[in-house]
Amino acid sequence: MLRRLYDWVMGLAASKHAPSALFAISFAESSFFPVPPDVMLAPMVLAQPDKAWRYAALCTLASVLGGMLGYAIGFFLQDFALWLMSLSGNGGGLAEFQCWYAEWGVWVILIKGLTPIPYKLVTIASGLAQFAFPVFIAASVVTRGARFFLVAAVVRKFGPAMLPVIERRLALFAGLAIAIVVGGLVASHYLGSGSTGAC
C-alpha cells in the first residue's frame, strides 16, 4: 500500500496541479499522511529549478500549518492522539509524553523536525504534552524550512541523485545533536540543575 501511495505522489509531481498537490501532501504529512513531501519536492525542483525556493517555501508553510493540526489533535483529542501514536509504535501514556517534553523540551522538535523521522509524531506528541504553542511553531518553522530548502538547494544544484546522501547526513547530524543534548542533560544533573527525577 505504501508503495502505491509513493507512486501516486510521484505521479502528482508531474501533473499541472503539482503546486496544489505539494501543499496538500506537505500539510497532510504533518499529522497523518505517511509519504514525505520530499518525494514531490525533488522532481518539481528538477523540472523547474527557477521555482526551487518557491516550492520549498510552499512546503514549509503547508508543513507548519499541518503541524498545527497535529498539535490540535494531541491537545484536544487525547484518546485519539494516543491511538495514532500507538499505530507508529509510540503508544506511551499521556504522562510519558509530558515527561518526554519536560526532559527534552524544544530539542524534540528541533531534532525530529529536520530529520527523516516522521514529523507527525512530533506534532501530535507536542499537543499531548501541552508544549508551549509559540515555541512549537517557531521551532517547526526553523526545522521544516531548513529541511525543505536544503532538499531544494541540493536537487537544484546536483540533481536527485544526491538526495540519499543528504538524508544520511541529516540522520548523522541529528545523532550528533542528540548526543549533545544527552550530554547536556547529564551535565545538568551532576551540577544539580537538572530535573528532580519526578518522571
N, C-alpha and C. Protein backbone atom coordinates (compact mmCIF):
# COMPACT_ATOMS: atom_id res chain seq x y z
N MET A 1 0.82 -1.20 0.00
CA MET A 1 0.00 0.00 0.00
C MET A 1 0.87 1.27 0.00
N LEU A 2 1.92 1.26 0.82
CA LEU A 2 2.80 2.42 0.89
C LEU A 2 3.45 2.68 -0.46
N ARG A 3 3.81 1.61 -1.16
CA ARG A 3 4.43 1.77 -2.48
C ARG A 3 3.45 2.41 -3.46
N ARG A 4 2.19 2.02 -3.39
CA ARG A 4 1.18 2.61 -4.28
C ARG A 4 1.00 4.10 -3.98
N LEU A 5 1.00 4.44 -2.68
CA LEU A 5 0.91 5.85 -2.29
C LEU A 5 2.11 6.63 -2.82
N TYR A 6 3.28 6.04 -2.71
CA TYR A 6 4.51 6.68 -3.19
C TYR A 6 4.42 6.96 -4.69
N ASP A 7 3.99 5.95 -5.44
CA ASP A 7 3.88 6.11 -6.89
C ASP A 7 2.83 7.16 -7.24
N TRP A 8 1.74 7.19 -6.47
CA TRP A 8 0.69 8.17 -6.71
C TRP A 8 1.21 9.60 -6.49
N VAL A 9 1.98 9.77 -5.42
CA VAL A 9 2.56 11.09 -5.14
C VAL A 9 3.53 11.49 -6.23
N MET A 10 4.34 10.56 -6.70
CA MET A 10 5.28 10.85 -7.78
C MET A 10 4.53 11.26 -9.05
N GLY A 11 3.40 10.62 -9.29
CA GLY A 11 2.58 10.99 -10.44
C GLY A 11 2.04 12.40 -10.32
N LEU A 12 1.64 12.78 -9.11
CA LEU A 12 1.14 14.14 -8.88
C LEU A 12 2.21 15.19 -9.18
N ALA A 13 3.46 14.84 -8.92
CA ALA A 13 4.56 15.79 -9.13
C ALA A 13 4.69 16.20 -10.59
N ALA A 14 4.21 15.36 -11.49
CA ALA A 14 4.32 15.65 -12.92
C ALA A 14 3.05 16.26 -13.49
N SER A 15 2.03 16.44 -12.66
CA SER A 15 0.76 16.96 -13.15
C SER A 15 0.73 18.48 -13.13
N LYS A 16 -0.28 19.05 -13.78
CA LYS A 16 -0.41 20.51 -13.82
C LYS A 16 -0.85 21.08 -12.47
N HIS A 17 -1.34 20.18 -11.61
CA HIS A 17 -1.77 20.60 -10.28
C HIS A 17 -0.68 20.35 -9.23
N ALA A 18 0.55 20.21 -9.67
CA ALA A 18 1.65 19.85 -8.77
C ALA A 18 1.79 20.80 -7.57
N PRO A 19 1.79 22.13 -7.74
CA PRO A 19 1.95 23.01 -6.57
C PRO A 19 0.85 22.82 -5.53
N SER A 20 -0.40 22.70 -5.98
CA SER A 20 -1.51 22.47 -5.05
C SER A 20 -1.36 21.13 -4.36
N ALA A 21 -0.95 20.11 -5.12
CA ALA A 21 -0.75 18.79 -4.55
C ALA A 21 0.40 18.79 -3.55
N LEU A 22 1.46 19.54 -3.87
CA LEU A 22 2.60 19.64 -2.96
C LEU A 22 2.16 20.25 -1.63
N PHE A 23 1.36 21.29 -1.70
CA PHE A 23 0.84 21.93 -0.49
C PHE A 23 0.01 20.93 0.32
N ALA A 24 -0.88 20.22 -0.36
CA ALA A 24 -1.76 19.27 0.32
C ALA A 24 -0.97 18.13 0.98
N ILE A 25 0.00 17.58 0.25
CA ILE A 25 0.81 16.49 0.79
C ILE A 25 1.63 16.97 1.98
N SER A 26 2.22 18.15 1.87
CA SER A 26 3.03 18.70 2.97
C SER A 26 2.17 18.93 4.20
N PHE A 27 0.97 19.42 4.00
CA PHE A 27 0.04 19.64 5.11
C PHE A 27 -0.34 18.33 5.78
N ALA A 28 -0.75 17.36 4.95
CA ALA A 28 -1.24 16.09 5.49
C ALA A 28 -0.14 15.29 6.17
N GLU A 29 1.08 15.37 5.64
CA GLU A 29 2.19 14.57 6.19
C GLU A 29 2.52 14.98 7.63
N SER A 30 2.17 16.20 8.01
CA SER A 30 2.49 16.68 9.35
C SER A 30 1.57 16.13 10.43
N SER A 31 0.51 15.44 10.02
CA SER A 31 -0.39 14.91 11.04
C SER A 31 -0.84 13.47 10.80
N PHE A 32 -0.91 13.03 9.53
CA PHE A 32 -1.39 11.66 9.35
C PHE A 32 -0.88 10.96 8.08
N PHE A 33 -0.50 11.69 7.01
CA PHE A 33 -0.15 11.06 5.74
C PHE A 33 1.25 10.45 5.82
N PRO A 34 1.43 9.21 5.30
CA PRO A 34 2.71 8.51 5.50
C PRO A 34 3.85 8.86 4.55
N VAL A 35 3.58 9.53 3.42
CA VAL A 35 4.62 9.80 2.43
C VAL A 35 5.14 11.22 2.60
N PRO A 36 6.45 11.42 2.77
CA PRO A 36 7.00 12.76 2.98
C PRO A 36 6.93 13.61 1.71
N PRO A 37 6.78 14.93 1.85
CA PRO A 37 6.67 15.80 0.68
C PRO A 37 7.93 15.89 -0.16
N ASP A 38 9.07 15.48 0.39
CA ASP A 38 10.32 15.48 -0.37
C ASP A 38 10.18 14.71 -1.68
N VAL A 39 9.33 13.68 -1.66
CA VAL A 39 9.11 12.84 -2.83
C VAL A 39 8.57 13.66 -3.99
N MET A 40 7.73 14.65 -3.70
CA MET A 40 7.21 15.55 -4.73
C MET A 40 8.13 16.73 -4.97
N LEU A 41 8.70 17.25 -3.90
CA LEU A 41 9.52 18.45 -4.00
C LEU A 41 10.70 18.26 -4.95
N ALA A 42 11.39 17.13 -4.83
CA ALA A 42 12.59 16.89 -5.63
C ALA A 42 12.33 16.91 -7.13
N PRO A 43 11.37 16.13 -7.66
CA PRO A 43 11.15 16.18 -9.11
C PRO A 43 10.59 17.51 -9.59
N MET A 44 9.85 18.21 -8.74
CA MET A 44 9.32 19.51 -9.13
C MET A 44 10.45 20.54 -9.27
N VAL A 45 11.40 20.49 -8.34
CA VAL A 45 12.55 21.39 -8.43
C VAL A 45 13.41 21.04 -9.63
N LEU A 46 13.56 19.75 -9.89
CA LEU A 46 14.35 19.30 -11.03
C LEU A 46 13.73 19.79 -12.34
N ALA A 47 12.39 19.76 -12.41
CA ALA A 47 11.70 20.18 -13.63
C ALA A 47 11.73 21.69 -13.81
N GLN A 48 11.67 22.44 -12.71
CA GLN A 48 11.66 23.91 -12.78
C GLN A 48 12.59 24.49 -11.71
N PRO A 49 13.90 24.45 -11.95
CA PRO A 49 14.87 24.91 -10.94
C PRO A 49 14.67 26.35 -10.51
N ASP A 50 14.14 27.19 -11.41
CA ASP A 50 13.95 28.59 -11.07
C ASP A 50 12.86 28.79 -10.01
N LYS A 51 12.05 27.76 -9.78
CA LYS A 51 11.00 27.84 -8.76
C LYS A 51 11.35 27.05 -7.50
N ALA A 52 12.61 26.69 -7.35
CA ALA A 52 13.03 25.85 -6.21
C ALA A 52 12.67 26.48 -4.87
N TRP A 53 12.99 27.76 -4.71
CA TRP A 53 12.75 28.39 -3.41
C TRP A 53 11.26 28.59 -3.15
N ARG A 54 10.50 28.84 -4.21
CA ARG A 54 9.05 28.98 -4.06
C ARG A 54 8.44 27.66 -3.59
N TYR A 55 8.90 26.56 -4.19
CA TYR A 55 8.38 25.25 -3.78
C TYR A 55 8.79 24.90 -2.35
N ALA A 56 10.02 25.23 -1.98
CA ALA A 56 10.49 24.96 -0.62
C ALA A 56 9.68 25.77 0.40
N ALA A 57 9.40 27.04 0.06
CA ALA A 57 8.60 27.88 0.95
C ALA A 57 7.18 27.35 1.06
N LEU A 58 6.64 26.86 -0.05
CA LEU A 58 5.30 26.28 -0.04
C LEU A 58 5.25 25.06 0.86
N CYS A 59 6.26 24.21 0.74
CA CYS A 59 6.37 23.03 1.60
C CYS A 59 6.41 23.43 3.08
N THR A 60 7.23 24.42 3.37
CA THR A 60 7.41 24.85 4.76
C THR A 60 6.11 25.38 5.34
N LEU A 61 5.44 26.26 4.60
CA LEU A 61 4.18 26.84 5.07
C LEU A 61 3.14 25.75 5.32
N ALA A 62 2.97 24.86 4.34
CA ALA A 62 1.96 23.81 4.48
C ALA A 62 2.30 22.85 5.62
N SER A 63 3.59 22.54 5.77
CA SER A 63 4.01 21.62 6.82
C SER A 63 3.75 22.20 8.21
N VAL A 64 4.03 23.48 8.38
CA VAL A 64 3.79 24.11 9.68
C VAL A 64 2.30 24.21 9.98
N LEU A 65 1.50 24.53 8.95
CA LEU A 65 0.05 24.57 9.14
C LEU A 65 -0.48 23.17 9.49
N GLY A 66 0.05 22.16 8.80
CA GLY A 66 -0.32 20.78 9.13
C GLY A 66 0.12 20.40 10.53
N GLY A 67 1.28 20.94 10.94
CA GLY A 67 1.76 20.70 12.29
C GLY A 67 0.81 21.25 13.33
N MET A 68 0.18 22.38 13.02
CA MET A 68 -0.82 22.94 13.93
C MET A 68 -1.99 21.99 14.11
N LEU A 69 -2.39 21.33 12.99
CA LEU A 69 -3.47 20.35 13.08
C LEU A 69 -3.05 19.17 13.96
N GLY A 70 -1.82 18.68 13.74
CA GLY A 70 -1.32 17.59 14.58
C GLY A 70 -1.29 17.97 16.04
N TYR A 71 -0.84 19.19 16.33
CA TYR A 71 -0.80 19.70 17.70
C TYR A 71 -2.22 19.73 18.28
N ALA A 72 -3.18 20.22 17.49
CA ALA A 72 -4.57 20.29 17.96
C ALA A 72 -5.14 18.91 18.25
N ILE A 73 -4.78 17.93 17.41
CA ILE A 73 -5.22 16.55 17.65
C ILE A 73 -4.72 16.07 19.01
N GLY A 74 -3.43 16.30 19.27
CA GLY A 74 -2.86 15.88 20.54
C GLY A 74 -3.44 16.64 21.72
N PHE A 75 -3.71 17.91 21.53
CA PHE A 75 -4.17 18.77 22.63
C PHE A 75 -5.64 18.53 22.97
N PHE A 76 -6.49 18.42 21.94
CA PHE A 76 -7.93 18.35 22.16
C PHE A 76 -8.51 16.93 22.09
N LEU A 77 -7.84 16.03 21.37
CA LEU A 77 -8.35 14.67 21.18
C LEU A 77 -7.33 13.66 21.70
N GLN A 78 -7.13 13.67 23.00
CA GLN A 78 -6.02 12.90 23.57
C GLN A 78 -6.14 11.41 23.35
N ASP A 79 -7.34 10.85 23.50
CA ASP A 79 -7.51 9.40 23.30
C ASP A 79 -7.20 9.02 21.85
N PHE A 80 -7.72 9.82 20.93
CA PHE A 80 -7.47 9.56 19.51
C PHE A 80 -5.99 9.74 19.19
N ALA A 81 -5.37 10.77 19.78
CA ALA A 81 -3.94 11.03 19.55
C ALA A 81 -3.08 9.88 20.06
N LEU A 82 -3.41 9.37 21.24
CA LEU A 82 -2.65 8.24 21.78
C LEU A 82 -2.81 7.01 20.91
N TRP A 83 -3.99 6.84 20.34
CA TRP A 83 -4.21 5.71 19.43
C TRP A 83 -3.36 5.87 18.17
N LEU A 84 -3.33 7.09 17.61
CA LEU A 84 -2.49 7.34 16.43
C LEU A 84 -1.02 7.08 16.74
N MET A 85 -0.58 7.52 17.91
CA MET A 85 0.82 7.31 18.30
C MET A 85 1.11 5.82 18.45
N SER A 86 0.15 5.07 18.98
CA SER A 86 0.37 3.63 19.18
C SER A 86 0.52 2.90 17.85
N LEU A 87 -0.14 3.40 16.80
CA LEU A 87 -0.03 2.78 15.48
C LEU A 87 1.40 2.84 14.96
N SER A 88 2.15 3.85 15.39
CA SER A 88 3.53 4.02 14.93
C SER A 88 4.53 3.44 15.92
N GLY A 89 4.02 2.71 16.93
CA GLY A 89 4.91 2.10 17.92
C GLY A 89 5.32 3.03 19.03
N ASN A 90 4.60 4.14 19.18
CA ASN A 90 4.90 5.10 20.24
C ASN A 90 3.66 5.27 21.11
N GLY A 91 3.25 4.21 21.75
CA GLY A 91 1.97 4.20 22.45
C GLY A 91 2.05 4.49 23.93
N GLY A 92 3.03 5.25 24.38
CA GLY A 92 3.11 5.59 25.79
C GLY A 92 1.94 6.43 26.24
N GLY A 93 1.66 6.43 27.51
CA GLY A 93 0.55 7.20 28.05
C GLY A 93 0.84 8.69 28.04
N LEU A 94 -0.18 9.46 28.42
CA LEU A 94 -0.07 10.91 28.42
C LEU A 94 1.05 11.38 29.34
N ALA A 95 1.17 10.76 30.50
CA ALA A 95 2.22 11.17 31.44
C ALA A 95 3.61 10.96 30.85
N GLU A 96 3.75 9.90 30.05
CA GLU A 96 5.05 9.62 29.42
C GLU A 96 5.44 10.72 28.45
N PHE A 97 4.48 11.18 27.65
CA PHE A 97 4.76 12.24 26.69
C PHE A 97 5.06 13.57 27.39
N GLN A 98 4.36 13.83 28.49
CA GLN A 98 4.61 15.05 29.25
C GLN A 98 6.01 15.03 29.85
N CYS A 99 6.43 13.88 30.36
CA CYS A 99 7.78 13.75 30.90
C CYS A 99 8.83 13.88 29.81
N TRP A 100 8.50 13.31 28.65
CA TRP A 100 9.40 13.37 27.50
C TRP A 100 9.72 14.83 27.17
N TYR A 101 8.68 15.67 27.11
CA TYR A 101 8.90 17.08 26.79
C TYR A 101 9.49 17.85 27.97
N ALA A 102 9.18 17.44 29.18
CA ALA A 102 9.79 18.10 30.34
C ALA A 102 11.30 17.89 30.34
N GLU A 103 11.74 16.72 29.86
CA GLU A 103 13.17 16.41 29.83
C GLU A 103 13.87 17.05 28.62
N TRP A 104 13.22 16.96 27.44
CA TRP A 104 13.89 17.34 26.20
C TRP A 104 13.46 18.71 25.68
N GLY A 105 12.24 19.11 25.97
CA GLY A 105 11.76 20.41 25.56
C GLY A 105 11.82 20.62 24.06
N VAL A 106 12.27 21.79 23.65
CA VAL A 106 12.26 22.18 22.24
C VAL A 106 13.18 21.31 21.39
N TRP A 107 14.15 20.62 22.01
CA TRP A 107 15.06 19.77 21.25
C TRP A 107 14.33 18.64 20.53
N VAL A 108 13.21 18.19 21.11
CA VAL A 108 12.42 17.15 20.45
C VAL A 108 12.00 17.63 19.06
N ILE A 109 11.53 18.87 18.98
CA ILE A 109 11.06 19.41 17.72
C ILE A 109 12.22 19.73 16.79
N LEU A 110 13.28 20.32 17.34
CA LEU A 110 14.42 20.71 16.52
C LEU A 110 15.08 19.50 15.87
N ILE A 111 15.22 18.42 16.62
CA ILE A 111 15.89 17.23 16.10
C ILE A 111 14.99 16.48 15.12
N LYS A 112 13.77 16.21 15.53
CA LYS A 112 12.90 15.39 14.70
C LYS A 112 12.30 16.14 13.53
N GLY A 113 12.18 17.47 13.65
CA GLY A 113 11.62 18.23 12.55
C GLY A 113 12.53 18.31 11.35
N LEU A 114 13.82 18.16 11.57
CA LEU A 114 14.80 18.28 10.49
C LEU A 114 15.10 16.95 9.83
N THR A 115 14.97 15.86 10.57
CA THR A 115 15.40 14.56 10.08
C THR A 115 14.27 13.81 9.38
N PRO A 116 14.58 12.66 8.78
CA PRO A 116 13.53 11.86 8.14
C PRO A 116 12.56 11.21 9.12
N ILE A 117 12.77 11.33 10.43
CA ILE A 117 11.84 10.81 11.42
C ILE A 117 10.48 11.47 11.18
N PRO A 118 9.38 10.70 11.17
CA PRO A 118 8.07 11.31 10.87
C PRO A 118 7.75 12.50 11.76
N TYR A 119 7.53 13.65 11.13
CA TYR A 119 7.24 14.88 11.86
C TYR A 119 5.89 14.80 12.56
N LYS A 120 4.98 13.97 12.02
CA LYS A 120 3.66 13.84 12.63
C LYS A 120 3.75 13.36 14.08
N LEU A 121 4.76 12.55 14.39
CA LEU A 121 4.94 12.09 15.77
C LEU A 121 5.22 13.26 16.69
N VAL A 122 6.00 14.22 16.20
CA VAL A 122 6.36 15.40 16.99
C VAL A 122 5.15 16.29 17.20
N THR A 123 4.37 16.53 16.14
CA THR A 123 3.25 17.45 16.25
C THR A 123 2.20 16.93 17.23
N ILE A 124 1.86 15.65 17.11
CA ILE A 124 0.84 15.08 17.99
C ILE A 124 1.35 15.00 19.42
N ALA A 125 2.60 14.56 19.59
CA ALA A 125 3.17 14.46 20.94
C ALA A 125 3.28 15.83 21.60
N SER A 126 3.56 16.87 20.81
CA SER A 126 3.65 18.23 21.36
C SER A 126 2.31 18.66 21.93
N GLY A 127 1.25 18.35 21.21
CA GLY A 127 -0.08 18.66 21.71
C GLY A 127 -0.44 17.85 22.94
N LEU A 128 -0.10 16.56 22.92
CA LEU A 128 -0.35 15.70 24.07
C LEU A 128 0.33 16.23 25.33
N ALA A 129 1.56 16.68 25.17
CA ALA A 129 2.33 17.18 26.30
C ALA A 129 2.00 18.63 26.65
N GLN A 130 1.09 19.24 25.84
CA GLN A 130 0.72 20.65 26.03
C GLN A 130 1.97 21.54 26.06
N PHE A 131 2.86 21.24 25.13
CA PHE A 131 4.09 22.02 24.98
C PHE A 131 3.74 23.43 24.53
N ALA A 132 4.54 24.41 24.92
CA ALA A 132 4.27 25.82 24.61
C ALA A 132 4.06 26.00 23.10
N PHE A 133 2.86 26.45 22.72
CA PHE A 133 2.50 26.54 21.30
C PHE A 133 3.38 27.50 20.51
N PRO A 134 3.68 28.72 21.00
CA PRO A 134 4.54 29.63 20.23
C PRO A 134 5.94 29.04 19.98
N VAL A 135 6.48 28.35 20.97
CA VAL A 135 7.79 27.72 20.81
C VAL A 135 7.70 26.60 19.79
N PHE A 136 6.62 25.83 19.85
CA PHE A 136 6.40 24.75 18.90
C PHE A 136 6.38 25.30 17.46
N ILE A 137 5.66 26.40 17.23
CA ILE A 137 5.56 26.99 15.90
C ILE A 137 6.92 27.50 15.43
N ALA A 138 7.62 28.22 16.31
CA ALA A 138 8.92 28.78 15.94
C ALA A 138 9.91 27.68 15.58
N ALA A 139 9.96 26.63 16.39
CA ALA A 139 10.88 25.53 16.13
C ALA A 139 10.50 24.79 14.85
N SER A 140 9.21 24.66 14.60
CA SER A 140 8.74 23.98 13.38
C SER A 140 9.13 24.76 12.14
N VAL A 141 8.97 26.08 12.18
CA VAL A 141 9.34 26.91 11.03
C VAL A 141 10.83 26.76 10.73
N VAL A 142 11.66 26.78 11.78
CA VAL A 142 13.10 26.68 11.59
C VAL A 142 13.50 25.32 11.02
N THR A 143 13.00 24.26 11.62
CA THR A 143 13.44 22.92 11.21
C THR A 143 12.85 22.48 9.88
N ARG A 144 11.57 22.72 9.68
CA ARG A 144 10.97 22.32 8.41
C ARG A 144 11.51 23.16 7.26
N GLY A 145 11.67 24.46 7.52
CA GLY A 145 12.26 25.32 6.50
C GLY A 145 13.66 24.87 6.14
N ALA A 146 14.47 24.57 7.15
CA ALA A 146 15.84 24.12 6.90
C ALA A 146 15.86 22.85 6.06
N ARG A 147 14.98 21.92 6.38
CA ARG A 147 14.96 20.66 5.65
C ARG A 147 14.55 20.86 4.19
N PHE A 148 13.45 21.56 3.96
CA PHE A 148 12.93 21.68 2.59
C PHE A 148 13.81 22.57 1.72
N PHE A 149 14.37 23.63 2.29
CA PHE A 149 15.25 24.48 1.50
C PHE A 149 16.57 23.76 1.18
N LEU A 150 17.01 22.89 2.11
CA LEU A 150 18.21 22.10 1.83
C LEU A 150 17.96 21.12 0.70
N VAL A 151 16.82 20.43 0.75
CA VAL A 151 16.47 19.50 -0.32
C VAL A 151 16.39 20.23 -1.66
N ALA A 152 15.71 21.39 -1.67
CA ALA A 152 15.58 22.16 -2.91
C ALA A 152 16.94 22.61 -3.43
N ALA A 153 17.81 23.04 -2.53
CA ALA A 153 19.13 23.52 -2.95
C ALA A 153 19.96 22.39 -3.55
N VAL A 154 19.92 21.23 -2.91
CA VAL A 154 20.71 20.09 -3.39
C VAL A 154 20.22 19.61 -4.75
N VAL A 155 18.90 19.47 -4.89
CA VAL A 155 18.35 18.99 -6.16
C VAL A 155 18.61 20.01 -7.27
N ARG A 156 18.49 21.29 -6.93
CA ARG A 156 18.70 22.35 -7.92
C ARG A 156 20.14 22.35 -8.42
N LYS A 157 21.07 22.05 -7.53
CA LYS A 157 22.48 22.11 -7.91
C LYS A 157 23.02 20.79 -8.44
N PHE A 158 22.64 19.68 -7.80
CA PHE A 158 23.27 18.39 -8.12
C PHE A 158 22.32 17.37 -8.75
N GLY A 159 21.01 17.61 -8.68
CA GLY A 159 20.07 16.62 -9.18
C GLY A 159 19.64 15.68 -8.08
N PRO A 160 18.63 14.85 -8.33
CA PRO A 160 18.04 13.99 -7.30
C PRO A 160 18.96 12.88 -6.80
N ALA A 161 20.04 12.59 -7.54
CA ALA A 161 20.93 11.51 -7.12
C ALA A 161 21.59 11.79 -5.77
N MET A 162 21.65 13.09 -5.39
CA MET A 162 22.30 13.45 -4.13
C MET A 162 21.38 13.34 -2.93
N LEU A 163 20.09 13.15 -3.14
CA LEU A 163 19.15 13.12 -2.01
C LEU A 163 19.46 12.03 -0.99
N PRO A 164 19.76 10.78 -1.41
CA PRO A 164 20.09 9.77 -0.41
C PRO A 164 21.29 10.16 0.46
N VAL A 165 22.26 10.82 -0.14
CA VAL A 165 23.43 11.28 0.61
C VAL A 165 23.01 12.30 1.65
N ILE A 166 22.16 13.24 1.26
CA ILE A 166 21.69 14.27 2.19
C ILE A 166 20.91 13.65 3.33
N GLU A 167 20.05 12.68 3.02
CA GLU A 167 19.27 12.03 4.07
C GLU A 167 20.16 11.34 5.08
N ARG A 168 21.23 10.71 4.59
CA ARG A 168 22.16 10.06 5.52
C ARG A 168 22.85 11.11 6.39
N ARG A 169 23.21 12.23 5.79
CA ARG A 169 23.87 13.29 6.56
C ARG A 169 22.92 13.89 7.59
N LEU A 170 21.64 14.05 7.22
CA LEU A 170 20.67 14.58 8.17
C LEU A 170 20.56 13.66 9.38
N ALA A 171 20.53 12.36 9.13
CA ALA A 171 20.47 11.42 10.23
C ALA A 171 21.72 11.52 11.11
N LEU A 172 22.88 11.71 10.46
CA LEU A 172 24.14 11.84 11.20
C LEU A 172 24.11 13.09 12.08
N PHE A 173 23.69 14.22 11.49
CA PHE A 173 23.64 15.46 12.26
C PHE A 173 22.65 15.36 13.41
N ALA A 174 21.53 14.69 13.17
CA ALA A 174 20.55 14.50 14.24
C ALA A 174 21.15 13.67 15.37
N GLY A 175 21.92 12.63 14.99
CA GLY A 175 22.57 11.82 16.01
C GLY A 175 23.54 12.62 16.85
N LEU A 176 24.30 13.49 16.19
CA LEU A 176 25.23 14.36 16.92
C LEU A 176 24.48 15.31 17.85
N ALA A 177 23.37 15.85 17.35
CA ALA A 177 22.57 16.76 18.16
C ALA A 177 22.01 16.05 19.39
N ILE A 178 21.53 14.82 19.19
CA ILE A 178 21.02 14.04 20.31
C ILE A 178 22.11 13.80 21.34
N ALA A 179 23.32 13.46 20.85
CA ALA A 179 24.43 13.22 21.76
C ALA A 179 24.75 14.47 22.58
N ILE A 180 24.69 15.63 21.93
CA ILE A 180 24.96 16.89 22.63
C ILE A 180 23.90 17.14 23.70
N VAL A 181 22.63 16.91 23.33
CA VAL A 181 21.54 17.13 24.28
C VAL A 181 21.67 16.20 25.48
N VAL A 182 21.92 14.92 25.20
CA VAL A 182 22.07 13.94 26.28
C VAL A 182 23.24 14.34 27.19
N GLY A 183 24.35 14.76 26.57
CA GLY A 183 25.49 15.22 27.36
C GLY A 183 25.13 16.41 28.23
N GLY A 184 24.34 17.33 27.68
CA GLY A 184 23.92 18.48 28.45
C GLY A 184 23.03 18.10 29.61
N LEU A 185 22.12 17.15 29.37
CA LEU A 185 21.23 16.70 30.45
C LEU A 185 22.01 16.02 31.57
N VAL A 186 22.97 15.20 31.18
CA VAL A 186 23.80 14.52 32.19
C VAL A 186 24.60 15.53 32.98
N ALA A 187 25.19 16.50 32.28
CA ALA A 187 25.96 17.54 32.96
C ALA A 187 25.08 18.34 33.91
N SER A 188 23.87 18.67 33.46
CA SER A 188 22.95 19.43 34.31
C SER A 188 22.60 18.64 35.57
N HIS A 189 22.41 17.34 35.38
CA HIS A 189 22.06 16.50 36.53
C HIS A 189 23.17 16.52 37.58
N TYR A 190 24.40 16.37 37.10
CA TYR A 190 25.52 16.31 38.05
C TYR A 190 25.86 17.67 38.64
N LEU A 191 25.43 18.73 37.96
CA LEU A 191 25.67 20.07 38.50
C LEU A 191 24.52 20.52 39.41
N GLY A 192 23.51 19.65 39.52
CA GLY A 192 22.42 19.98 40.42
C GLY A 192 21.34 20.85 39.82
N SER A 193 21.40 21.08 38.50
CA SER A 193 20.38 21.94 37.89
C SER A 193 19.48 21.16 36.95
N GLY A 194 19.53 19.83 37.03
CA GLY A 194 18.70 19.02 36.14
C GLY A 194 17.34 18.82 36.71
N SER A 195 16.62 17.83 36.18
CA SER A 195 15.26 17.58 36.64
C SER A 195 15.28 16.94 38.01
N THR A 196 14.13 16.94 38.65
CA THR A 196 14.02 16.43 40.01
C THR A 196 13.86 14.92 40.04
N GLY A 197 13.68 14.32 38.86
CA GLY A 197 13.52 12.87 38.80
C GLY A 197 12.07 12.44 38.94
N ALA A 198 11.12 13.42 38.91
CA ALA A 198 9.73 13.09 39.08
C ALA A 198 9.20 12.21 37.95
N CYS A 199 9.82 12.28 36.79
CA CYS A 199 9.36 11.46 35.65
C CYS A 199 9.97 10.07 35.72
